[in-house]
Amino acid sequence: MWMYFVKRLGLSVLIVMSALIVLFSLLHMIPGDPASIALGPRATPEIIAAYAEKMHMNEPIYVQFGIFFSSVLQGDLGVDVFSDRDVATTVFEMLPYTLILALASLAWAAMLGIPLGCLSALYPNSLLGV
């Protein structure tokens, strides 16, 4: 039982690390300078340079990933560029709506899936039992 738990925990950590690496990589694959893209076309070179310094975009890529990963581990998801609000606050504000949507979709899946599964079991080797 414990070995199963340890394997699942290790797999979960591996999946989260992979997702973080993909997310970080996608942010750096965007054509152009991420700072100028985030600030828009009206930003001056001084503002872009200050933003790049603030976001550690002038550091090597492995240092940027280390800062990114340590921030995520501490729960700091950053600040939204458009609204200047903390991303974690925004995520937790929308969490009840996300849970309601997930529960509603689970209810619909159960209401449709259970009767269709029973019908399929009643008529094996037919069009309904496929």
Protein backbone atom coordinates (compact mmCIF):
# COMPACT_ATOMS: atom_id res chain seq x y z
CA MET A 1 0.00 0.00 0.00
CA TRP A 2 2.78 2.42 0.92
CA MET A 3 4.72 1.56 -2.21
CA TYR A 4 1.67 2.39 -4.34
CA PHE A 5 1.33 5.72 -2.54
CA VAL A 6 5.03 6.53 -3.03
CA LYS A 7 4.85 5.63 -6.74
CA ARG A 8 1.78 7.83 -7.24
CA LEU A 9 3.35 10.69 -5.33
CA GLY A 10 6.52 10.43 -7.41
CA LEU A 11 4.49 10.32 -10.61
CA SER A 12 2.53 13.40 -9.50
CA VAL A 13 5.75 15.30 -8.85
CA LEU A 14 7.06 14.26 -12.26
CA ILE A 15 3.86 15.44 -13.97
CA VAL A 16 3.92 18.81 -12.18
CA MET A 17 7.60 19.30 -13.05
CA SER A 18 6.90 18.42 -16.69
CA ALA A 19 4.00 20.88 -16.80
CA LEU A 20 6.20 23.63 -15.31
CA ILE A 21 8.96 22.96 -17.83
CA VAL A 22 6.48 23.04 -20.74
CA LEU A 23 4.89 26.25 -19.44
CA PHE A 24 8.26 27.93 -18.96
CA SER A 25 9.43 26.78 -22.39
CA LEU A 26 6.29 28.06 -24.09
CA LEU A 27 6.78 31.46 -22.51
CA HIS A 28 10.23 31.66 -24.07
CA MET A 29 9.20 30.26 -27.48
CA ILE A 30 6.99 33.25 -28.23
CA PRO A 31 8.57 35.18 -31.07
CA GLY A 32 9.92 38.53 -29.97
CA ASP A 33 10.88 39.91 -26.59
CA PRO A 34 8.55 38.72 -23.79
CA ALA A 35 8.83 42.06 -22.00
CA SER A 36 7.80 44.11 -25.02
CA ILE A 37 4.98 41.68 -25.79
CA ALA A 38 3.69 41.85 -22.21
CA LEU A 39 3.82 45.65 -22.09
CA GLY A 40 2.43 46.30 -25.55
CA PRO A 41 3.51 48.45 -28.49
CA ARG A 42 3.32 51.78 -26.63
CA ALA A 43 5.99 50.87 -24.06
CA THR A 44 9.21 52.84 -24.22
CA PRO A 45 12.60 51.08 -24.26
CA GLU A 46 13.25 52.31 -20.69
CA ILE A 47 10.01 50.78 -19.41
CA ILE A 48 10.75 47.53 -21.26
CA ALA A 49 14.26 47.39 -19.76
CA ALA A 50 12.92 48.06 -16.25
CA TYR A 51 10.27 45.36 -16.65
CA ALA A 52 12.85 42.87 -17.98
CA GLU A 53 15.06 43.62 -14.96
CA LYS A 54 12.13 43.23 -12.56
CA MET A 55 11.10 39.90 -14.12
CA HIS A 56 14.74 38.63 -14.27
CA MET A 57 14.57 38.30 -18.07
CA ASN A 58 18.15 39.48 -18.38
CA GLU A 59 19.42 36.41 -16.48
CA PRO A 60 20.48 33.14 -18.16
CA ILE A 61 17.62 30.75 -18.92
CA TYR A 62 18.54 28.24 -16.18
CA VAL A 63 18.58 31.02 -13.57
CA GLN A 64 15.19 32.23 -14.82
CA PHE A 65 13.79 28.71 -14.48
CA GLY A 66 15.20 28.41 -10.95
CA ILE A 67 13.57 31.69 -9.94
CA PHE A 68 10.32 30.64 -11.64
CA PHE A 69 10.29 27.23 -9.96
CA SER A 70 11.12 28.57 -6.48
CA SER A 71 8.40 31.20 -6.81
CA VAL A 72 5.83 28.57 -7.78
CA LEU A 73 6.88 26.38 -4.83
CA GLN A 74 6.33 29.35 -2.51
CA GLY A 75 2.87 29.96 -3.97
CA ASP A 76 3.88 33.15 -5.76
CA LEU A 77 2.29 32.89 -9.20
CA GLY A 78 3.19 36.43 -10.14
CA VAL A 79 1.20 39.50 -11.04
CA ASP A 80 -1.22 39.83 -13.95
CA VAL A 81 0.21 42.29 -16.44
CA PHE A 82 -3.17 43.68 -17.47
CA SER A 83 -4.97 44.06 -14.14
CA ASP A 84 -1.87 44.36 -11.89
CA ARG A 85 -3.45 41.85 -9.50
CA ASP A 86 -1.89 38.83 -7.85
CA VAL A 87 -2.53 35.73 -10.00
CA ALA A 88 -3.02 33.44 -6.98
CA THR A 89 -5.78 35.74 -5.70
CA THR A 90 -7.51 35.65 -9.07
CA VAL A 91 -7.24 31.86 -9.23
CA PHE A 92 -8.71 31.42 -5.74
CA GLU A 93 -11.52 33.87 -6.53
CA MET A 94 -12.51 31.77 -9.54
CA LEU A 95 -12.09 28.40 -7.76
CA PRO A 96 -15.75 28.13 -6.59
CA TYR A 97 -16.99 28.64 -10.15
CA THR A 98 -14.53 26.04 -11.42
CA LEU A 99 -15.70 23.52 -8.80
CA ILE A 100 -19.36 24.17 -9.66
CA LEU A 101 -18.61 23.62 -13.35
CA ALA A 102 -16.66 20.41 -12.60
CA LEU A 103 -19.45 19.03 -10.39
CA ALA A 104 -22.12 19.92 -12.96
CA SER A 105 -20.18 18.16 -15.71
CA LEU A 106 -19.66 15.13 -13.47
CA ALA A 107 -23.40 15.02 -12.75
CA TRP A 108 -24.24 15.20 -16.46
CA ALA A 109 -21.72 12.48 -17.24
CA ALA A 110 -23.21 10.24 -14.56
CA MET A 111 -26.80 10.94 -15.63
CA LEU A 112 -25.98 10.01 -19.22
CA GLY A 113 -23.25 7.42 -18.72
CA ILE A 114 -24.90 5.14 -16.17
CA PRO A 115 -28.16 4.61 -18.09
CA LEU A 116 -26.32 4.21 -21.39
CA GLY A 117 -23.93 1.72 -19.79
CA CYS A 118 -26.84 -0.28 -18.37
CA LEU A 119 -28.60 -0.23 -21.73
CA SER A 120 -25.41 -1.38 -23.40
CA ALA A 121 -25.11 -4.26 -20.91
CA LEU A 122 -28.71 -5.32 -21.52
CA TYR A 123 -28.20 -5.57 -25.28
CA PRO A 124 -24.72 -7.00 -25.91
CA ASN A 125 -23.52 -7.51 -29.49
CA SER A 126 -26.00 -5.00 -30.84
CA LEU A 127 -25.81 -1.40 -31.97
CA LEU A 128 -26.56 -0.33 -28.38
CA GLY A 129 -23.95 -2.69 -26.95
CA VAL A 130 -21.04 -1.52 -29.06
